[in-house]
Protein backbone atom coordinates (compact mmCIF):
# COMPACT_ATOMS: atom_id res chain seq x y z
CA UNK A 1 -43.93 -1.67 -10.85
CA UNK A 2 -42.93 -1.90 -14.25
CA UNK A 3 -42.89 -4.85 -16.34
CA UNK A 4 -39.51 -4.60 -17.36
CA UNK A 5 -38.12 -4.43 -13.53
CA UNK A 6 -37.63 -8.16 -12.02
CA UNK A 7 -39.47 -8.32 -8.71
CA UNK A 8 -37.95 -7.15 -5.55
CA UNK A 9 -36.73 -10.41 -4.12
CA UNK A 10 -34.94 -11.14 -7.36
CA UNK A 11 -33.49 -7.81 -7.36
CA UNK A 12 -32.40 -8.21 -3.62
CA UNK A 13 -30.79 -11.80 -4.59
CA UNK A 14 -28.99 -10.45 -7.61
CA UNK A 15 -27.16 -7.51 -5.17
CA UNK A 16 -25.93 -10.38 -3.08
CA UNK A 17 -22.26 -9.67 -3.07
CA UNK A 18 -21.05 -13.40 -3.80
CA UNK A 19 -18.29 -12.16 -6.08
CA UNK A 20 -16.98 -9.81 -3.66
CA UNK A 21 -17.15 -12.12 -0.42
CA UNK A 22 -15.48 -14.68 -2.69
CA UNK A 23 -12.58 -12.22 -3.24
CA UNK A 24 -11.95 -11.16 0.51
CA UNK A 25 -12.13 -14.91 1.15
CA UNK A 26 -9.40 -15.66 -1.30
CA UNK A 27 -7.69 -12.62 0.08
CA UNK A 28 -7.33 -13.60 3.57
CA UNK A 29 -6.32 -17.08 2.60
CA UNK A 30 -3.61 -16.39 0.11
CA UNK A 31 -2.56 -13.27 2.98
CA UNK A 32 -2.39 -16.08 5.76
CA UNK A 33 -0.34 -18.74 3.06
CA UNK A 34 2.06 -15.96 2.39
CA UNK A 35 2.98 -15.06 5.71
CA UNK A 36 2.60 -17.92 8.10
CA UNK A 37 2.81 -20.66 5.13
CA UNK A 38 -0.40 -22.51 6.30
CA UNK A 39 -3.97 -22.27 4.99
CA UNK A 40 -6.77 -20.82 7.49
CA UNK A 41 -9.92 -21.33 6.00
CA UNK A 42 -11.74 -20.67 8.99
CA UNK A 43 -10.28 -17.29 9.27
CA UNK A 44 -10.78 -16.45 5.74
CA UNK A 45 -14.70 -17.32 6.39
CA UNK A 46 -14.89 -15.44 9.71
CA UNK A 47 -13.62 -12.12 8.16
CA UNK A 48 -15.28 -12.57 4.87
CA UNK A 49 -19.02 -13.70 6.02
CA UNK A 50 -19.22 -10.62 7.91
CA UNK A 51 -18.00 -8.34 5.01
CA UNK A 52 -20.54 -9.92 2.53
CA UNK A 53 -23.39 -9.42 4.88
CA UNK A 54 -22.71 -5.80 5.90
CA UNK A 55 -21.99 -5.22 1.60
CA UNK A 56 -25.31 -6.56 1.40
CA UNK A 57 -26.92 -4.23 3.68
CA UNK A 58 -25.78 -1.54 2.09
CA UNK A 59 -26.95 -2.54 -1.35
CA UNK A 60 -30.40 -3.42 -0.09
CA UNK A 61 -30.56 -0.07 1.39
CA UNK A 62 -29.42 1.82 -1.61
CA UNK A 63 -32.42 -0.14 -3.58
CA UNK A 64 -34.82 0.60 -1.18
CA UNK A 65 -33.79 4.03 -1.23
CA UNK A 66 -33.99 4.49 -4.92
CA UNK A 67 -37.09 2.69 -5.15
CA UNK A 68 -38.99 5.28 -2.88
CA UNK A 69 -37.13 8.22 -4.35
CA UNK A 70 -38.81 7.28 -7.75
CA UNK A 71 -42.22 6.84 -6.35
């Protein structure tokens, strides 16, 4: 590992798709508000959390794959 590279855990935490998950949550809640006229935070979380976790898994896989290919 080079000195300029952050530690692996820090890279993984930096790769967590927080803004994407928040955007999905806001989109679902806004859609429900426009269509049904009520706010559904639970449904927004039920959609945003799995999407964020799947996207996080993809990013981790890409980071590990690129780390192995450079060695």
